[in-house]
Structure formats: structure tokens, C-alpha cells
PDB file of all heavy atoms in Angstrom:
ATOM      1  N   LEU A   1    -203.379 104.492  93.860  1.00  0.00           N
ATOM      2  CA  LEU A   1    -204.015 105.032  95.055  1.00  0.00           C
ATOM      3  C   LEU A   1    -205.440 105.465  94.758  1.00  0.00           C
ATOM      4  O   LEU A   1    -206.367 105.179  95.513  1.00  0.00           O
ATOM      5  CB  LEU A   1    -203.205 106.205  95.609  1.00  0.00           C
ATOM      6  CG  LEU A   1    -203.836 106.940  96.799  1.00  0.00           C
ATOM      7  CD1 LEU A   1    -204.035 106.004  97.979  1.00  0.00           C
ATOM      8  CD2 LEU A   1    -202.983 108.129  97.185  1.00  0.00           C
ATOM      9  N   MET A   2    -205.636 106.154  93.649  1.00  0.00           N
ATOM     10  CA  MET A   2    -206.975 106.609  93.287  1.00  0.00           C
ATOM     11  C   MET A   2    -207.911 105.422  93.058  1.00  0.00           C
ATOM     12  O   MET A   2    -209.062 105.443  93.462  1.00  0.00           O
ATOM     13  CB  MET A   2    -206.925 107.501  92.046  1.00  0.00           C
ATOM     14  CG  MET A   2    -206.114 108.776  92.238  1.00  0.00           C
ATOM     15  SD  MET A   2    -206.575 109.738  93.694  1.00  0.00           S
ATOM     16  CE  MET A   2    -208.230 110.175  93.286  1.00  0.00           C
ATOM     17  N   GLN A   3    -207.407 104.370  92.426  1.00  0.00           N
ATOM     18  CA  GLN A   3    -208.212 103.169  92.185  1.00  0.00           C
ATOM     19  C   GLN A   3    -208.578 102.506  93.516  1.00  0.00           C
ATOM     20  O   GLN A   3    -209.704 102.048  93.694  1.00  0.00           O
ATOM     21  CB  GLN A   3    -207.457 102.194  91.283  1.00  0.00           C
ATOM     22  CG  GLN A   3    -208.307 101.042  90.805  1.00  0.00           C
ATOM     23  CD  GLN A   3    -209.438 101.488  89.894  1.00  0.00           C
ATOM     24  OE1 GLN A   3    -209.266 102.340  89.047  1.00  0.00           O
ATOM     25  NE2 GLN A   3    -210.600 100.918  90.074  1.00  0.00           N
ATOM     26  N   SER A   4    -207.644 102.485  94.463  1.00  0.00           N
ATOM     27  CA  SER A   4    -207.916 101.899  95.779  1.00  0.00           C
ATOM     28  C   SER A   4    -209.000 102.679  96.509  1.00  0.00           C
ATOM     29  O   SER A   4    -209.899 102.084  97.112  1.00  0.00           O
ATOM     30  CB  SER A   4    -206.645 101.882  96.628  1.00  0.00           C
ATOM     31  OG  SER A   4    -205.682 101.045  96.060  1.00  0.00           O
ATOM     32  N   LEU A   5    -208.925 104.005  96.474  1.00  0.00           N
ATOM     33  CA  LEU A   5    -209.956 104.826  97.116  1.00  0.00           C
ATOM     34  C   LEU A   5    -211.326 104.570  96.494  1.00  0.00           C
ATOM     35  O   LEU A   5    -212.337 104.477  97.189  1.00  0.00           O
ATOM     36  CB  LEU A   5    -209.588 106.300  97.015  1.00  0.00           C
ATOM     37  CG  LEU A   5    -208.414 106.756  97.870  1.00  0.00           C
ATOM     38  CD1 LEU A   5    -208.035 108.193  97.535  1.00  0.00           C
ATOM     39  CD2 LEU A   5    -208.729 106.609  99.341  1.00  0.00           C
ATOM     40  N   LYS A   6    -211.350 104.458  95.185  1.00  0.00           N
ATOM     41  CA  LYS A   6    -212.605 104.184  94.481  1.00  0.00           C
ATOM     42  C   LYS A   6    -213.162 102.820  94.895  1.00  0.00           C
ATOM     43  O   LYS A   6    -214.358 102.684  95.168  1.00  0.00           O
ATOM     44  CB  LYS A   6    -212.353 104.227  92.979  1.00  0.00           C
ATOM     45  CG  LYS A   6    -213.571 103.974  92.139  1.00  0.00           C
ATOM     46  CD  LYS A   6    -213.197 104.041  90.670  1.00  0.00           C
ATOM     47  CE  LYS A   6    -214.274 103.461  89.806  1.00  0.00           C
ATOM     48  NZ  LYS A   6    -213.879 103.352  88.415  1.00  0.00           N
ATOM     49  N   ASN A   7    -212.304 101.815  94.995  1.00  0.00           N
ATOM     50  CA  ASN A   7    -212.745 100.473  95.388  1.00  0.00           C
ATOM     51  C   ASN A   7    -213.273 100.449  96.816  1.00  0.00           C
ATOM     52  O   ASN A   7    -214.256  99.775  97.108  1.00  0.00           O
ATOM     53  CB  ASN A   7    -211.605  99.468  95.225  1.00  0.00           C
ATOM     54  CG  ASN A   7    -211.275  99.218  93.775  1.00  0.00           C
ATOM     55  OD1 ASN A   7    -212.086  99.457  92.883  1.00  0.00           O
ATOM     56  ND2 ASN A   7    -210.064  98.746  93.520  1.00  0.00           N
ATOM     57  N   ILE A   8    -212.628 101.200  97.718  1.00  0.00           N
ATOM     58  CA  ILE A   8    -213.083 101.256  99.106  1.00  0.00           C
ATOM     59  C   ILE A   8    -214.477 101.865  99.193  1.00  0.00           C
ATOM     60  O   ILE A   8    -215.363 101.319  99.852  1.00  0.00           O
ATOM     61  CB  ILE A   8    -212.091 102.047  99.981  1.00  0.00           C
ATOM     62  CG1 ILE A   8    -210.801 101.244 100.157  1.00  0.00           C
ATOM     63  CG2 ILE A   8    -212.707 102.401 101.337  1.00  0.00           C
ATOM     64  CD1 ILE A   8    -209.668 102.039 100.764  1.00  0.00           C
ATOM     65  N   THR A   9    -214.685 102.981  98.533  1.00  0.00           N
ATOM     66  CA  THR A   9    -216.009 103.610  98.607  1.00  0.00           C
ATOM     67  C   THR A   9    -217.069 102.747  97.940  1.00  0.00           C
ATOM     68  O   THR A   9    -218.191 102.664  98.427  1.00  0.00           O
ATOM     69  CB  THR A   9    -216.010 105.021  97.984  1.00  0.00           C
ATOM     70  OG1 THR A   9    -215.564 104.946  96.639  1.00  0.00           O
ATOM     71  CG2 THR A   9    -215.132 105.964  98.769  1.00  0.00           C
ATOM     72  N   ASN A  10    -216.723 102.084  96.849  1.00  0.00           N
ATOM     73  CA  ASN A  10    -217.704 101.232  96.171  1.00  0.00           C
ATOM     74  C   ASN A  10    -218.049  99.990  96.988  1.00  0.00           C
ATOM     75  O   ASN A  10    -219.194  99.545  96.979  1.00  0.00           O
ATOM     76  CB  ASN A  10    -217.202 100.831  94.787  1.00  0.00           C
ATOM     77  CG  ASN A  10    -217.245 101.967  93.808  1.00  0.00           C
ATOM     78  OD1 ASN A  10    -217.909 102.963  94.031  1.00  0.00           O
ATOM     79  ND2 ASN A  10    -216.507 101.827  92.720  1.00  0.00           N
ATOM     80  N   SER A  11    -217.079  99.426  97.708  1.00  0.00           N
ATOM     81  CA  SER A  11    -217.363  98.211  98.473  1.00  0.00           C
ATOM     82  C   SER A  11    -218.013  98.512  99.821  1.00  0.00           C
ATOM     83  O   SER A  11    -218.873  97.773 100.277  1.00  0.00           O
ATOM     84  CB  SER A  11    -216.092  97.385  98.672  1.00  0.00           C
ATOM     85  OG  SER A  11    -215.147  98.093  99.443  1.00  0.00           O
ATOM     86  N   ARG A  12    -217.626  99.606 100.452  1.00  0.00           N
ATOM     87  CA  ARG A  12    -218.174  99.930 101.780  1.00  0.00           C
ATOM     88  C   ARG A  12    -219.456 100.751 101.727  1.00  0.00           C
ATOM     89  O   ARG A  12    -220.287 100.650 102.616  1.00  0.00           O
ATOM     90  CB  ARG A  12    -217.143 100.668 102.615  1.00  0.00           C
ATOM     91  CG  ARG A  12    -215.982  99.786 102.983  1.00  0.00           C
ATOM     92  CD  ARG A  12    -215.070 100.491 103.928  1.00  0.00           C
ATOM     93  NE  ARG A  12    -213.954  99.635 104.251  1.00  0.00           N
ATOM     94  CZ  ARG A  12    -213.444  99.528 105.456  1.00  0.00           C
ATOM     95  NH1 ARG A  12    -213.960 100.216 106.436  1.00  0.00           N
ATOM     96  NH2 ARG A  12    -212.425  98.742 105.669  1.00  0.00           N
ATOM     97  N   PHE A  13    -219.572 101.592 100.731  1.00  0.00           N
ATOM     98  CA  PHE A  13    -220.737 102.474 100.625  1.00  0.00           C
ATOM     99  C   PHE A  13    -221.326 102.439  99.215  1.00  0.00           C
ATOM    100  O   PHE A  13    -221.458 103.472  98.571  1.00  0.00           O
ATOM    101  CB  PHE A  13    -220.342 103.915 100.979  1.00  0.00           C
ATOM    102  CG  PHE A  13    -219.639 104.048 102.294  1.00  0.00           C
ATOM    103  CD1 PHE A  13    -218.267 104.238 102.346  1.00  0.00           C
ATOM    104  CD2 PHE A  13    -220.341 103.974 103.483  1.00  0.00           C
ATOM    105  CE1 PHE A  13    -217.606 104.355 103.556  1.00  0.00           C
ATOM    106  CE2 PHE A  13    -219.696 104.087 104.702  1.00  0.00           C
ATOM    107  CZ  PHE A  13    -218.322 104.274 104.741  1.00  0.00           C
ATOM    108  N   PRO A  14    -221.690 101.269  98.729  1.00  0.00           N
ATOM    109  CA  PRO A  14    -222.187 101.194  97.338  1.00  0.00           C
ATOM    110  C   PRO A  14    -223.475 101.991  97.141  1.00  0.00           C
ATOM    111  O   PRO A  14    -224.455 101.784  97.845  1.00  0.00           O
ATOM    112  CB  PRO A  14    -222.418  99.701  97.136  1.00  0.00           C
ATOM    113  CG  PRO A  14    -222.640  99.155  98.506  1.00  0.00           C
ATOM    114  CD  PRO A  14    -221.802 100.000  99.426  1.00  0.00           C
ATOM    115  N   GLY A  15    -223.427 102.930  96.240  1.00  0.00           N
ATOM    116  CA  GLY A  15    -224.610 103.718  95.917  1.00  0.00           C
ATOM    117  C   GLY A  15    -224.962 104.797  96.918  1.00  0.00           C
ATOM    118  O   GLY A  15    -225.970 105.475  96.767  1.00  0.00           O
ATOM    119  N   TYR A  16    -224.152 104.977  97.960  1.00  0.00           N
ATOM    120  CA  TYR A  16    -224.483 105.944  98.997  1.00  0.00           C
ATOM    121  C   TYR A  16    -223.790 107.285  98.829  1.00  0.00           C
ATOM    122  O   TYR A  16    -224.161 108.258  99.473  1.00  0.00           O
ATOM    123  CB  TYR A  16    -224.135 105.396 100.391  1.00  0.00           C
ATOM    124  CG  TYR A  16    -225.129 104.384 100.878  1.00  0.00           C
ATOM    125  CD1 TYR A  16    -224.961 103.036 100.606  1.00  0.00           C
ATOM    126  CD2 TYR A  16    -226.242 104.772 101.607  1.00  0.00           C
ATOM    127  CE1 TYR A  16    -225.871 102.098 101.052  1.00  0.00           C
ATOM    128  CE2 TYR A  16    -227.159 103.840 102.054  1.00  0.00           C
ATOM    129  CZ  TYR A  16    -226.968 102.503 101.771  1.00  0.00           C
ATOM    130  OH  TYR A  16    -227.877 101.584 102.207  1.00  0.00           O
ATOM    131  N   ILE A  17    -222.760 107.362  98.022  1.00  0.00           N
ATOM    132  CA  ILE A  17    -222.041 108.617  97.867  1.00  0.00           C
ATOM    133  C   ILE A  17    -222.863 109.534  96.964  1.00  0.00           C
ATOM    134  O   ILE A  17    -223.007 109.297  95.775  1.00  0.00           O
ATOM    135  CB  ILE A  17    -220.633 108.405  97.265  1.00  0.00           C
ATOM    136  CG1 ILE A  17    -219.841 107.362  98.060  1.00  0.00           C
ATOM    137  CG2 ILE A  17    -219.886 109.736  97.194  1.00  0.00           C
ATOM    138  CD1 ILE A  17    -219.600 107.695  99.498  1.00  0.00           C
ATOM    139  N   GLY A  18    -223.424 110.582  97.574  1.00  0.00           N
ATOM    140  CA  GLY A  18    -224.249 111.517  96.821  1.00  0.00           C
ATOM    141  C   GLY A  18    -223.428 112.618  96.181  1.00  0.00           C
ATOM    142  O   GLY A  18    -223.624 112.982  95.036  1.00  0.00           O
ATOM    143  N   SER A  19    -222.480 113.150  96.957  1.00  0.00           N
ATOM    144  CA  SER A  19    -221.652 114.225  96.447  1.00  0.00           C
ATOM    145  C   SER A  19    -220.342 114.281  97.211  1.00  0.00           C
ATOM    146  O   SER A  19    -220.259 113.856  98.362  1.00  0.00           O
ATOM    147  CB  SER A  19    -222.381 115.565  96.538  1.00  0.00           C
ATOM    148  OG  SER A  19    -222.863 115.774  97.845  1.00  0.00           O
ATOM    149  N   VAL A  20    -219.339 114.789  96.529  1.00  0.00           N
ATOM    150  CA  VAL A  20    -218.021 114.986  97.127  1.00  0.00           C
ATOM    151  C   VAL A  20    -217.650 116.441  96.899  1.00  0.00           C
ATOM    152  O   VAL A  20    -217.651 116.917  95.765  1.00  0.00           O
ATOM    153  CB  VAL A  20    -216.954 114.055  96.491  1.00  0.00           C
ATOM    154  CG1 VAL A  20    -215.575 114.337  97.069  1.00  0.00           C
ATOM    155  CG2 VAL A  20    -217.340 112.591  96.661  1.00  0.00           C
ATOM    156  N   TYR A  21    -217.375 117.141  97.997  1.00  0.00           N
ATOM    157  CA  TYR A  21    -216.977 118.544  97.931  1.00  0.00           C
ATOM    158  C   TYR A  21    -215.505 118.642  98.294  1.00  0.00           C
ATOM    159  O   TYR A  21    -215.094 118.205  99.371  1.00  0.00           O
ATOM    160  CB  TYR A  21    -217.801 119.396  98.901  1.00  0.00           C
ATOM    161  CG  TYR A  21    -219.270 119.367  98.602  1.00  0.00           C
ATOM    162  CD1 TYR A  21    -220.146 118.593  99.351  1.00  0.00           C
ATOM    163  CD2 TYR A  21    -219.784 120.110  97.546  1.00  0.00           C
ATOM    164  CE1 TYR A  21    -221.502 118.570  99.070  1.00  0.00           C
ATOM    165  CE2 TYR A  21    -221.142 120.094  97.258  1.00  0.00           C
ATOM    166  CZ  TYR A  21    -221.988 119.318  98.017  1.00  0.00           C
ATOM    167  OH  TYR A  21    -223.322 119.284  97.733  1.00  0.00           O
ATOM    168  N   ILE A  22    -214.707 119.201  97.414  1.00  0.00           N
ATOM    169  CA  ILE A  22    -213.288 119.396  97.672  1.00  0.00           C
ATOM    170  C   ILE A  22    -213.080 120.881  97.918  1.00  0.00           C
ATOM    171  O   ILE A  22    -213.365 121.715  97.064  1.00  0.00           O
ATOM    172  CB  ILE A  22    -212.437 118.871  96.508  1.00  0.00           C
ATOM    173  CG1 ILE A  22    -212.727 117.378  96.318  1.00  0.00           C
ATOM    174  CG2 ILE A  22    -210.952 119.128  96.784  1.00  0.00           C
ATOM    175  CD1 ILE A  22    -212.028 116.737  95.166  1.00  0.00           C
ATOM    176  N   VAL A  23    -212.601 121.195  99.143  1.00  0.00           N
ATOM    177  CA  VAL A  23    -212.442 122.572  99.585  1.00  0.00           C
ATOM    178  C   VAL A  23    -210.961 122.932  99.574  1.00  0.00           C
ATOM    179  O   VAL A  23    -210.108 122.106  99.887  1.00  0.00           O
ATOM    180  CB  VAL A  23    -213.020 122.745 101.012  1.00  0.00           C
ATOM    181  CG1 VAL A  23    -212.963 124.198 101.460  1.00  0.00           C
ATOM    182  CG2 VAL A  23    -214.442 122.230 101.075  1.00  0.00           C
ATOM    183  N   ASN A  24    -210.664 124.171  99.232  1.00  0.00           N
ATOM    184  CA  ASN A  24    -209.299 124.703  99.199  1.00  0.00           C
ATOM    185  C   ASN A  24    -208.436 124.002  98.150  1.00  0.00           C
ATOM    186  O   ASN A  24    -207.283 123.672  98.394  1.00  0.00           O
ATOM    187  CB  ASN A  24    -208.647 124.625 100.588  1.00  0.00           C
ATOM    188  CG  ASN A  24    -209.376 125.479 101.587  1.00  0.00           C
ATOM    189  OD1 ASN A  24    -209.691 126.636 101.316  1.00  0.00           O
ATOM    190  ND2 ASN A  24    -209.679 124.919 102.739  1.00  0.00           N
ATOM    191  N   PHE A  25    -209.003 123.799  96.994  1.00  0.00           N
ATOM    192  CA  PHE A  25    -208.309 123.169  95.872  1.00  0.00           C
ATOM    193  C   PHE A  25    -207.501 124.230  95.136  1.00  0.00           C
ATOM    194  O   PHE A  25    -208.056 125.153  94.559  1.00  0.00           O
ATOM    195  CB  PHE A  25    -209.338 122.545  94.928  1.00  0.00           C
ATOM    196  CG  PHE A  25    -208.760 121.803  93.763  1.00  0.00           C
ATOM    197  CD1 PHE A  25    -208.299 120.509  93.918  1.00  0.00           C
ATOM    198  CD2 PHE A  25    -208.671 122.387  92.519  1.00  0.00           C
ATOM    199  CE1 PHE A  25    -207.773 119.809  92.847  1.00  0.00           C
ATOM    200  CE2 PHE A  25    -208.143 121.699  91.437  1.00  0.00           C
ATOM    201  CZ  PHE A  25    -207.695 120.398  91.604  1.00  0.00           C
ATOM    202  N   GLY A  26    -206.189 124.114  95.188  1.00  0.00           N
ATOM    203  CA  GLY A  26    -205.321 125.087  94.533  1.00  0.00           C
ATOM    204  C   GLY A  26    -204.828 124.580  93.189  1.00  0.00           C
ATOM    205  O   GLY A  26    -204.978 123.415  92.836  1.00  0.00           O
ATOM    206  N   TRP A  27    -204.208 125.458  92.456  1.00  0.00           N
ATOM    207  CA  TRP A  27    -203.715 125.132  91.115  1.00  0.00           C
ATOM    208  C   TRP A  27    -202.712 123.981  91.146  1.00  0.00           C
ATOM    209  O   TRP A  27    -202.590 123.227  90.201  1.00  0.00           O
ATOM    210  CB  TRP A  27    -203.081 126.365  90.471  1.00  0.00           C
ATOM    211  CG  TRP A  27    -201.870 126.854  91.225  1.00  0.00           C
ATOM    212  CD1 TRP A  27    -201.846 127.799  92.203  1.00  0.00           C
ATOM    213  CD2 TRP A  27    -200.526 126.401  91.067  1.00  0.00           C
ATOM    214  NE1 TRP A  27    -200.573 127.964  92.675  1.00  0.00           N
ATOM    215  CE2 TRP A  27    -199.734 127.118  91.987  1.00  0.00           C
ATOM    216  CE3 TRP A  27    -199.918 125.459  90.243  1.00  0.00           C
ATOM    217  CZ2 TRP A  27    -198.372 126.920  92.109  1.00  0.00           C
ATOM    218  CZ3 TRP A  27    -198.548 125.269  90.368  1.00  0.00           C
ATOM    219  CH2 TRP A  27    -197.788 125.992  91.282  1.00  0.00           C
ATOM    220  N   MET A  28    -201.982 123.822  92.280  1.00  0.00           N
ATOM    221  CA  MET A  28    -200.957 122.788  92.343  1.00  0.00           C
ATOM    222  C   MET A  28    -201.531 121.381  92.360  1.00  0.00           C
ATOM    223  O   MET A  28    -200.809 120.420  92.155  1.00  0.00           O
ATOM    224  CB  MET A  28    -200.033 122.997  93.537  1.00  0.00           C
ATOM    225  CG  MET A  28    -200.711 122.954  94.863  1.00  0.00           C
ATOM    226  SD  MET A  28    -201.508 124.510  95.131  1.00  0.00           S
ATOM    227  CE  MET A  28    -201.280 124.779  96.829  1.00  0.00           C
ATOM    228  N   TYR A  29    -202.848 121.260  92.565  1.00  0.00           N
ATOM    229  CA  TYR A  29    -203.489 119.948  92.571  1.00  0.00           C
ATOM    230  C   TYR A  29    -204.100 119.579  91.215  1.00  0.00           C
ATOM    231  O   TYR A  29    -204.714 118.534  91.071  1.00  0.00           O
ATOM    232  CB  TYR A  29    -204.566 119.892  93.654  1.00  0.00           C
ATOM    233  CG  TYR A  29    -204.000 120.092  95.042  1.00  0.00           C
ATOM    234  CD1 TYR A  29    -204.193 121.287  95.719  1.00  0.00           C
ATOM    235  CD2 TYR A  29    -203.258 119.092  95.654  1.00  0.00           C
ATOM    236  CE1 TYR A  29    -203.665 121.483  96.983  1.00  0.00           C
ATOM    237  CE2 TYR A  29    -202.728 119.275  96.916  1.00  0.00           C
ATOM    238  CZ  TYR A  29    -202.932 120.474  97.572  1.00  0.00           C
ATOM    239  OH  TYR A  29    -202.402 120.661  98.821  1.00  0.00           O
ATOM    240  N   GLN A  30    -203.956 120.422  90.229  1.00  0.00           N
ATOM    241  CA  GLN A  30    -204.533 120.160  88.910  1.00  0.00           C
ATOM    242  C   GLN A  30    -204.030 118.849  88.314  1.00  0.00           C
ATOM    243  O   GLN A  30    -204.789 118.103  87.705  1.00  0.00           O
ATOM    244  CB  GLN A  30    -204.234 121.315  87.946  1.00  0.00           C
ATOM    245  CG  GLN A  30    -205.058 122.548  88.199  1.00  0.00           C
ATOM    246  CD  GLN A  30    -206.538 122.330  87.946  1.00  0.00           C
ATOM    247  OE1 GLN A  30    -206.943 121.497  87.150  1.00  0.00           O
ATOM    248  NE2 GLN A  30    -207.356 123.087  88.650  1.00  0.00           N
ATOM    249  N   GLY A  31    -202.747 118.553  88.473  1.00  0.00           N
ATOM    250  CA  GLY A  31    -202.188 117.308  87.939  1.00  0.00           C
ATOM    251  C   GLY A  31    -202.813 116.081  88.573  1.00  0.00           C
ATOM    252  O   GLY A  31    -203.103 115.086  87.896  1.00  0.00           O
ATOM    253  N   ILE A  32    -203.037 116.152  89.893  1.00  0.00           N
ATOM    254  CA  ILE A  32    -203.677 115.034  90.597  1.00  0.00           C
ATOM    255  C   ILE A  32    -205.088 114.829  90.070  1.00  0.00           C
ATOM    256  O   ILE A  32    -205.520 113.703  89.826  1.00  0.00           O
ATOM    257  CB  ILE A  32    -203.689 115.300  92.116  1.00  0.00           C
ATOM    258  CG1 ILE A  32    -202.253 115.328  92.647  1.00  0.00           C
ATOM    259  CG2 ILE A  32    -204.522 114.257  92.843  1.00  0.00           C
ATOM    260  CD1 ILE A  32    -202.129 115.832  94.068  1.00  0.00           C
ATOM    261  N   TRP A  33    -205.822 115.918  89.867  1.00  0.00           N
ATOM    262  CA  TRP A  33    -207.182 115.817  89.346  1.00  0.00           C
ATOM    263  C   TRP A  33    -207.180 115.234  87.936  1.00  0.00           C
ATOM    264  O   TRP A  33    -208.049 114.437  87.577  1.00  0.00           O
ATOM    265  CB  TRP A  33    -207.892 117.163  89.389  1.00  0.00           C
ATOM    266  CG  TRP A  33    -209.233 117.136  88.733  1.00  0.00           C
ATOM    267  CD1 TRP A  33    -209.638 117.886  87.674  1.00  0.00           C
ATOM    268  CD2 TRP A  33    -210.344 116.296  89.059  1.00  0.00           C
ATOM    269  NE1 TRP A  33    -210.920 117.577  87.332  1.00  0.00           N
ATOM    270  CE2 TRP A  33    -211.389 116.599  88.155  1.00  0.00           C
ATOM    271  CE3 TRP A  33    -210.557 115.321  90.015  1.00  0.00           C
ATOM    272  CZ2 TRP A  33    -212.623 115.960  88.202  1.00  0.00           C
ATOM    273  CZ3 TRP A  33    -211.795 114.680  90.047  1.00  0.00           C
ATOM    274  CH2 TRP A  33    -212.798 115.005  89.162  1.00  0.00           C
ATOM    275  N   GLN A  34    -206.200 115.599  87.121  1.00  0.00           N
ATOM    276  CA  GLN A  34    -206.120 115.062  85.752  1.00  0.00           C
ATOM    277  C   GLN A  34    -205.968 113.548  85.766  1.00  0.00           C
ATOM    278  O   GLN A  34    -206.546 112.849  84.941  1.00  0.00           O
ATOM    279  CB  GLN A  34    -204.963 115.720  84.986  1.00  0.00           C
ATOM    280  CG  GLN A  34    -205.142 117.208  84.748  1.00  0.00           C
ATOM    281  CD  GLN A  34    -206.430 117.554  84.020  1.00  0.00           C
ATOM    282  OE1 GLN A  34    -206.822 116.891  83.077  1.00  0.00           O
ATOM    283  NE2 GLN A  34    -207.101 118.598  84.478  1.00  0.00           N
ATOM    284  N   VAL A  35    -205.188 113.015  86.716  1.00  0.00           N
ATOM    285  CA  VAL A  35    -205.025 111.561  86.853  1.00  0.00           C
ATOM    286  C   VAL A  35    -206.301 110.939  87.408  1.00  0.00           C
ATOM    287  O   VAL A  35    -206.804 109.940  86.893  1.00  0.00           O
ATOM    288  CB  VAL A  35    -203.824 111.213  87.763  1.00  0.00           C
ATOM    289  CG1 VAL A  35    -203.781 109.721  88.070  1.00  0.00           C
ATOM    290  CG2 VAL A  35    -202.523 111.661  87.116  1.00  0.00           C
ATOM    291  N   ALA A  36    -206.842 111.552  88.464  1.00  0.00           N
ATOM    292  CA  ALA A  36    -208.017 110.994  89.142  1.00  0.00           C
ATOM    293  C   ALA A  36    -209.221 110.900  88.220  1.00  0.00           C
ATOM    294  O   ALA A  36    -209.927 109.882  88.205  1.00  0.00           O
ATOM    295  CB  ALA A  36    -208.365 111.838  90.362  1.00  0.00           C
ATOM    296  N   LYS A  37    -209.465 111.918  87.417  1.00  0.00           N
ATOM    297  CA  LYS A  37    -210.682 111.908  86.600  1.00  0.00           C
ATOM    298  C   LYS A  37    -210.630 110.869  85.481  1.00  0.00           C
ATOM    299  O   LYS A  37    -211.672 110.454  84.984  1.00  0.00           O
ATOM    300  CB  LYS A  37    -211.006 113.298  86.074  1.00  0.00           C
ATOM    301  CG  LYS A  37    -210.113 113.824  85.001  1.00  0.00           C
ATOM    302  CD  LYS A  37    -210.582 115.216  84.624  1.00  0.00           C
ATOM    303  CE  LYS A  37    -209.802 115.782  83.479  1.00  0.00           C
ATOM    304  NZ  LYS A  37    -210.270 117.110  83.103  1.00  0.00           N
ATOM    305  N   LEU A  38    -209.437 110.401  85.117  1.00  0.00           N
ATOM    306  CA  LEU A  38    -209.331 109.334  84.118  1.00  0.00           C
ATOM    307  C   LEU A  38    -209.901 108.020  84.637  1.00  0.00           C
ATOM    308  O   LEU A  38    -210.330 107.171  83.859  1.00  0.00           O
ATOM    309  CB  LEU A  38    -207.876 109.133  83.701  1.00  0.00           C
ATOM    310  CG  LEU A  38    -207.226 110.300  82.960  1.00  0.00           C
ATOM    311  CD1 LEU A  38    -205.748 110.017  82.752  1.00  0.00           C
ATOM    312  CD2 LEU A  38    -207.931 110.574  81.642  1.00  0.00           C
ATOM    313  N   LEU A  39    -209.917 107.865  85.959  1.00  0.00           N
ATOM    314  CA  LEU A  39    -210.381 106.626  86.582  1.00  0.00           C
ATOM    315  C   LEU A  39    -211.864 106.656  86.941  1.00  0.00           C
ATOM    316  O   LEU A  39    -212.404 105.662  87.386  1.00  0.00           O
ATOM    317  CB  LEU A  39    -209.563 106.353  87.847  1.00  0.00           C
ATOM    318  CG  LEU A  39    -208.058 106.264  87.635  1.00  0.00           C
ATOM    319  CD1 LEU A  39    -207.345 106.227  88.970  1.00  0.00           C
ATOM    320  CD2 LEU A  39    -207.705 105.054  86.798  1.00  0.00           C
ATOM    321  N   LEU A  40    -212.493 107.806  86.740  1.00  0.00           N
ATOM    322  CA  LEU A  40    -213.883 107.967  87.160  1.00  0.00           C
ATOM    323  C   LEU A  40    -214.832 107.984  85.976  1.00  0.00           C
ATOM    324  O   LEU A  40    -214.493 108.470  84.900  1.00  0.00           O
ATOM    325  CB  LEU A  40    -214.037 109.283  87.935  1.00  0.00           C
ATOM    326  CG  LEU A  40    -213.196 109.433  89.196  1.00  0.00           C
ATOM    327  CD1 LEU A  40    -213.323 110.852  89.744  1.00  0.00           C
ATOM    328  CD2 LEU A  40    -213.610 108.418  90.241  1.00  0.00           C
TER     329      LEU A  40
END
């Protein structure tokens, strides 16, 4: 899923993503972030 999201943003908005702000990030999402950052 994370790879698909990355491919969508790269194909539709190449070079346009300046910043991504994640709001209300709780401790329970730490595992998801650990997986996601391996792909970035």
C-alpha cells in the first residue's frame, strides 16, 4: 500500500510535493511509520 501511494504521487505530481504534514499522529501509528519510512 505504501509503495502504491508513493507511485501515485510520483506519477501524478512529479516534483510537486513540497511537504507532508501528518496531524494527530499517536503512538499506535509508530509501527506504520516504521514500515513506511523504509520505502522512502
